[in-house]
Amino acid sequence: MPFDNMLQLDPVIFYKILNSLIIIVLIWLIRTLIIRIVWRKHDNVQARYRWRKSTAYAGAVLGIFLVGSIWYTGFRSLSTYLGLLSAGLAIALKDIVEDLAG
């Protein structure tokens, strides 16, 4: 890529920064798209607020894990562990969560 040497950065660092920026922009675009769809479908202010907050938190957590996995190799094993743990808990607590949801 011709931009490698423009900032006098190590190519590995440059690509990590570039990938991090791409991930952040993609998460922001997806969140914006979801918010616009919700705004068109819901007139309820509370539902809009919950969707806006939920997508902000989910985007932040997803962004931290994705960007963290680019910069730190230890994040990959932590992400795998947390993914398997949450899947196991979702299966084990399925009935309880359904009862709480109604």
N, C-alpha and C. Protein backbone atom coordinates (compact mmCIF):
# COMPACT_ATOMS: atom_id res chain seq x y z
N MET A 1 0.84 -1.17 0.00
CA MET A 1 0.00 0.00 0.00
C MET A 1 0.89 1.24 0.00
N PRO A 2 0.56 2.26 -0.78
CA PRO A 2 1.45 3.43 -0.89
C PRO A 2 1.46 4.32 0.34
N PHE A 3 0.52 4.17 1.26
CA PHE A 3 0.45 5.02 2.43
C PHE A 3 1.32 4.53 3.58
N ASP A 4 1.97 3.39 3.41
CA ASP A 4 2.79 2.82 4.49
C ASP A 4 3.84 3.79 5.01
N ASN A 5 4.51 4.43 4.12
CA ASN A 5 5.66 5.23 4.49
C ASN A 5 5.31 6.70 4.70
N MET A 6 4.06 7.06 4.48
CA MET A 6 3.66 8.46 4.55
C MET A 6 3.81 9.01 5.98
N LEU A 7 3.46 8.25 6.97
CA LEU A 7 3.54 8.71 8.36
C LEU A 7 4.80 8.24 9.07
N GLN A 8 5.68 7.59 8.36
CA GLN A 8 6.92 7.06 8.92
C GLN A 8 6.65 6.10 10.07
N LEU A 9 5.62 5.28 9.92
CA LEU A 9 5.28 4.28 10.92
C LEU A 9 5.72 2.90 10.45
N ASP A 10 5.92 2.05 11.41
CA ASP A 10 6.17 0.65 11.11
C ASP A 10 4.93 0.11 10.40
N PRO A 11 5.08 -0.66 9.31
CA PRO A 11 3.91 -1.15 8.58
C PRO A 11 2.94 -1.95 9.45
N VAL A 12 3.44 -2.69 10.42
CA VAL A 12 2.56 -3.46 11.29
C VAL A 12 1.68 -2.53 12.12
N ILE A 13 2.27 -1.48 12.68
CA ILE A 13 1.52 -0.50 13.47
C ILE A 13 0.52 0.23 12.58
N PHE A 14 0.94 0.59 11.37
CA PHE A 14 0.07 1.29 10.45
C PHE A 14 -1.18 0.46 10.15
N TYR A 15 -1.01 -0.82 9.87
CA TYR A 15 -2.16 -1.68 9.56
C TYR A 15 -3.03 -1.92 10.79
N LYS A 16 -2.43 -1.95 11.96
CA LYS A 16 -3.23 -2.09 13.18
C LYS A 16 -4.10 -0.85 13.38
N ILE A 17 -3.52 0.32 13.17
CA ILE A 17 -4.29 1.56 13.29
C ILE A 17 -5.39 1.61 12.23
N LEU A 18 -5.05 1.25 11.00
CA LEU A 18 -6.03 1.26 9.92
C LEU A 18 -7.18 0.30 10.20
N ASN A 19 -6.85 -0.91 10.62
CA ASN A 19 -7.90 -1.89 10.96
C ASN A 19 -8.75 -1.43 12.13
N SER A 20 -8.14 -0.82 13.11
CA SER A 20 -8.89 -0.31 14.26
C SER A 20 -9.87 0.77 13.82
N LEU A 21 -9.43 1.69 12.98
CA LEU A 21 -10.31 2.74 12.48
C LEU A 21 -11.45 2.17 11.64
N ILE A 22 -11.17 1.18 10.83
CA ILE A 22 -12.21 0.55 10.01
C ILE A 22 -13.25 -0.11 10.90
N ILE A 23 -12.81 -0.81 11.93
CA ILE A 23 -13.75 -1.46 12.85
C ILE A 23 -14.62 -0.43 13.56
N ILE A 24 -14.02 0.64 14.03
CA ILE A 24 -14.78 1.69 14.73
C ILE A 24 -15.82 2.31 13.81
N VAL A 25 -15.44 2.61 12.59
CA VAL A 25 -16.38 3.21 11.63
C VAL A 25 -17.50 2.23 11.29
N LEU A 26 -17.17 0.96 11.08
CA LEU A 26 -18.21 -0.03 10.78
C LEU A 26 -19.20 -0.20 11.93
N ILE A 27 -18.71 -0.25 13.14
CA ILE A 27 -19.61 -0.37 14.29
C ILE A 27 -20.50 0.85 14.38
N TRP A 28 -19.95 2.03 14.18
CA TRP A 28 -20.74 3.25 14.21
C TRP A 28 -21.81 3.25 13.11
N LEU A 29 -21.44 2.82 11.90
CA LEU A 29 -22.42 2.77 10.80
C LEU A 29 -23.54 1.77 11.08
N ILE A 30 -23.20 0.61 11.60
CA ILE A 30 -24.22 -0.40 11.91
C ILE A 30 -25.14 0.12 13.00
N ARG A 31 -24.58 0.75 14.02
CA ARG A 31 -25.41 1.31 15.10
C ARG A 31 -26.33 2.39 14.55
N THR A 32 -25.82 3.26 13.71
CA THR A 32 -26.64 4.31 13.12
C THR A 32 -27.77 3.73 12.28
N LEU A 33 -27.48 2.70 11.52
CA LEU A 33 -28.50 2.04 10.71
C LEU A 33 -29.59 1.43 11.59
N ILE A 34 -29.19 0.76 12.66
CA ILE A 34 -30.16 0.15 13.58
C ILE A 34 -31.04 1.23 14.21
N ILE A 35 -30.42 2.32 14.65
CA ILE A 35 -31.17 3.41 15.28
C ILE A 35 -32.18 4.00 14.30
N ARG A 36 -31.80 4.19 13.05
CA ARG A 36 -32.73 4.74 12.06
C ARG A 36 -33.90 3.81 11.80
N ILE A 37 -33.63 2.52 11.74
CA ILE A 37 -34.72 1.54 11.55
C ILE A 37 -35.67 1.57 12.73
N VAL A 38 -35.13 1.63 13.94
CA VAL A 38 -35.96 1.67 15.14
C VAL A 38 -36.79 2.96 15.17
N TRP A 39 -36.20 4.08 14.78
CA TRP A 39 -36.93 5.34 14.78
C TRP A 39 -38.12 5.29 13.82
N ARG A 40 -37.96 4.60 12.70
CA ARG A 40 -39.07 4.50 11.74
C ARG A 40 -40.18 3.58 12.23
N LYS A 41 -39.81 2.55 12.97
CA LYS A 41 -40.79 1.53 13.38
C LYS A 41 -41.47 1.84 14.71
N HIS A 42 -40.82 2.60 15.58
CA HIS A 42 -41.35 2.84 16.93
C HIS A 42 -41.60 4.33 17.16
N ASP A 43 -42.76 4.62 17.71
CA ASP A 43 -43.06 5.98 18.14
C ASP A 43 -42.85 6.15 19.64
N ASN A 44 -42.70 5.03 20.33
CA ASN A 44 -42.53 5.03 21.77
C ASN A 44 -41.15 5.58 22.14
N VAL A 45 -41.14 6.63 22.95
CA VAL A 45 -39.89 7.28 23.34
C VAL A 45 -39.04 6.35 24.20
N GLN A 46 -39.68 5.57 25.07
CA GLN A 46 -38.92 4.65 25.93
C GLN A 46 -38.24 3.56 25.12
N ALA A 47 -38.92 3.04 24.11
CA ALA A 47 -38.32 2.01 23.26
C ALA A 47 -37.14 2.57 22.49
N ARG A 48 -37.29 3.78 21.99
CA ARG A 48 -36.18 4.42 21.27
C ARG A 48 -34.97 4.61 22.19
N TYR A 49 -35.25 5.08 23.40
CA TYR A 49 -34.18 5.29 24.37
C TYR A 49 -33.46 3.99 24.69
N ARG A 50 -34.22 2.92 24.94
CA ARG A 50 -33.61 1.62 25.25
C ARG A 50 -32.78 1.12 24.08
N TRP A 51 -33.27 1.25 22.87
CA TRP A 51 -32.51 0.80 21.71
C TRP A 51 -31.23 1.62 21.55
N ARG A 52 -31.33 2.93 21.75
CA ARG A 52 -30.15 3.78 21.61
C ARG A 52 -29.10 3.41 22.65
N LYS A 53 -29.52 3.22 23.89
CA LYS A 53 -28.58 2.85 24.95
C LYS A 53 -28.01 1.45 24.73
N SER A 54 -28.88 0.50 24.38
CA SER A 54 -28.43 -0.89 24.18
C SER A 54 -27.42 -0.99 23.05
N THR A 55 -27.70 -0.31 21.94
CA THR A 55 -26.76 -0.38 20.82
C THR A 55 -25.45 0.33 21.15
N ALA A 56 -25.52 1.38 21.97
CA ALA A 56 -24.29 2.06 22.37
C ALA A 56 -23.42 1.14 23.23
N TYR A 57 -24.05 0.47 24.20
CA TYR A 57 -23.29 -0.44 25.05
C TYR A 57 -22.76 -1.64 24.28
N ALA A 58 -23.61 -2.22 23.44
CA ALA A 58 -23.18 -3.38 22.65
C ALA A 58 -22.06 -3.00 21.69
N GLY A 59 -22.18 -1.84 21.06
CA GLY A 59 -21.13 -1.38 20.15
C GLY A 59 -19.82 -1.14 20.86
N ALA A 60 -19.91 -0.57 22.07
CA ALA A 60 -18.68 -0.31 22.83
C ALA A 60 -17.99 -1.60 23.24
N VAL A 61 -18.77 -2.56 23.72
CA VAL A 61 -18.18 -3.84 24.13
C VAL A 61 -17.60 -4.57 22.92
N LEU A 62 -18.37 -4.60 21.84
CA LEU A 62 -17.88 -5.25 20.62
C LEU A 62 -16.63 -4.56 20.10
N GLY A 63 -16.62 -3.24 20.12
CA GLY A 63 -15.45 -2.50 19.68
C GLY A 63 -14.22 -2.76 20.53
N ILE A 64 -14.42 -2.82 21.84
CA ILE A 64 -13.29 -3.10 22.73
C ILE A 64 -12.70 -4.48 22.44
N PHE A 65 -13.57 -5.47 22.26
CA PHE A 65 -13.06 -6.81 21.98
C PHE A 65 -12.39 -6.90 20.61
N LEU A 66 -12.99 -6.30 19.60
CA LEU A 66 -12.42 -6.39 18.26
C LEU A 66 -11.11 -5.61 18.13
N VAL A 67 -11.11 -4.39 18.63
CA VAL A 67 -9.89 -3.58 18.57
C VAL A 67 -8.84 -4.17 19.51
N GLY A 68 -9.27 -4.65 20.67
CA GLY A 68 -8.33 -5.28 21.60
C GLY A 68 -7.68 -6.51 21.01
N SER A 69 -8.46 -7.27 20.22
CA SER A 69 -7.88 -8.48 19.61
C SER A 69 -6.86 -8.13 18.53
N ILE A 70 -6.96 -6.95 17.96
CA ILE A 70 -5.96 -6.52 16.98
C ILE A 70 -4.65 -6.17 17.68
N TRP A 71 -4.75 -5.47 18.80
CA TRP A 71 -3.56 -4.95 19.46
C TRP A 71 -2.94 -5.92 20.45
N TYR A 72 -3.75 -6.75 21.09
CA TYR A 72 -3.23 -7.65 22.12
C TYR A 72 -3.63 -9.08 21.79
N THR A 73 -2.67 -9.96 21.68
CA THR A 73 -2.98 -11.35 21.34
C THR A 73 -3.69 -12.06 22.48
N GLY A 74 -3.51 -11.61 23.70
CA GLY A 74 -4.18 -12.22 24.85
C GLY A 74 -5.69 -12.04 24.82
N PHE A 75 -6.16 -11.03 24.10
CA PHE A 75 -7.60 -10.79 23.99
C PHE A 75 -8.30 -11.92 23.26
N ARG A 76 -7.60 -12.55 22.35
CA ARG A 76 -8.24 -13.62 21.57
C ARG A 76 -8.64 -14.79 22.46
N SER A 77 -7.76 -15.19 23.34
CA SER A 77 -8.10 -16.30 24.22
C SER A 77 -9.18 -15.88 25.23
N LEU A 78 -9.13 -14.63 25.69
CA LEU A 78 -10.16 -14.13 26.60
C LEU A 78 -11.51 -14.05 25.89
N SER A 79 -11.50 -13.60 24.65
CA SER A 79 -12.74 -13.53 23.87
C SER A 79 -13.34 -14.91 23.66
N THR A 80 -12.49 -15.87 23.36
CA THR A 80 -12.97 -17.24 23.16
C THR A 80 -13.58 -17.77 24.45
N TYR A 81 -12.90 -17.55 25.56
CA TYR A 81 -13.40 -18.02 26.85
C TYR A 81 -14.74 -17.37 27.18
N LEU A 82 -14.85 -16.06 27.03
CA LEU A 82 -16.09 -15.37 27.35
C LEU A 82 -17.22 -15.78 26.41
N GLY A 83 -16.90 -16.02 25.15
CA GLY A 83 -17.92 -16.48 24.20
C GLY A 83 -18.46 -17.85 24.57
N LEU A 84 -17.58 -18.76 24.90
CA LEU A 84 -18.02 -20.10 25.31
C LEU A 84 -18.78 -20.06 26.64
N LEU A 85 -18.32 -19.23 27.56
CA LEU A 85 -19.00 -19.09 28.84
C LEU A 85 -20.40 -18.54 28.67
N SER A 86 -20.54 -17.50 27.86
CA SER A 86 -21.87 -16.91 27.67
C SER A 86 -22.80 -17.85 26.91
N ALA A 87 -22.27 -18.61 25.96
CA ALA A 87 -23.11 -19.59 25.26
C ALA A 87 -23.57 -20.69 26.23
N GLY A 88 -22.69 -21.14 27.06
CA GLY A 88 -23.06 -22.16 28.05
C GLY A 88 -24.09 -21.65 29.04
N LEU A 89 -23.91 -20.42 29.50
CA LEU A 89 -24.89 -19.84 30.42
C LEU A 89 -26.24 -19.62 29.74
N ALA A 90 -26.22 -19.23 28.48
CA ALA A 90 -27.48 -19.02 27.76
C ALA A 90 -28.25 -20.33 27.62
N ILE A 91 -27.54 -21.40 27.37
CA ILE A 91 -28.20 -22.71 27.25
C ILE A 91 -28.69 -23.18 28.62
N ALA A 92 -27.84 -23.03 29.64
CA ALA A 92 -28.20 -23.51 30.98
C ALA A 92 -29.34 -22.71 31.60
N LEU A 93 -29.39 -21.42 31.34
CA LEU A 93 -30.38 -20.56 31.97
C LEU A 93 -31.51 -20.16 31.04
N LYS A 94 -31.69 -20.90 29.97
CA LYS A 94 -32.69 -20.56 28.96
C LYS A 94 -34.08 -20.45 29.55
N ASP A 95 -34.49 -21.43 30.33
CA ASP A 95 -35.83 -21.43 30.90
C ASP A 95 -36.04 -20.28 31.88
N ILE A 96 -35.04 -20.00 32.68
CA ILE A 96 -35.15 -18.91 33.65
C ILE A 96 -35.28 -17.56 32.95
N VAL A 97 -34.48 -17.36 31.93
CA VAL A 97 -34.55 -16.10 31.18
C VAL A 97 -35.90 -15.97 30.48
N GLU A 98 -36.43 -17.06 29.93
CA GLU A 98 -37.74 -17.02 29.29
C GLU A 98 -38.83 -16.68 30.30
N ASP A 99 -38.73 -17.23 31.51
CA ASP A 99 -39.72 -16.94 32.54
C ASP A 99 -39.67 -15.48 32.98
N LEU A 100 -38.45 -14.93 33.06
CA LEU A 100 -38.31 -13.54 33.46
C LEU A 100 -38.82 -12.60 32.37
N ALA A 101 -38.59 -12.96 31.11
CA ALA A 101 -39.01 -12.12 29.98
C ALA A 101 -40.51 -12.12 29.81
N GLY A 102 -41.16 -13.18 30.23
CA GLY A 102 -42.61 -13.21 30.15
C GLY A 102 -43.03 -14.21 29.21
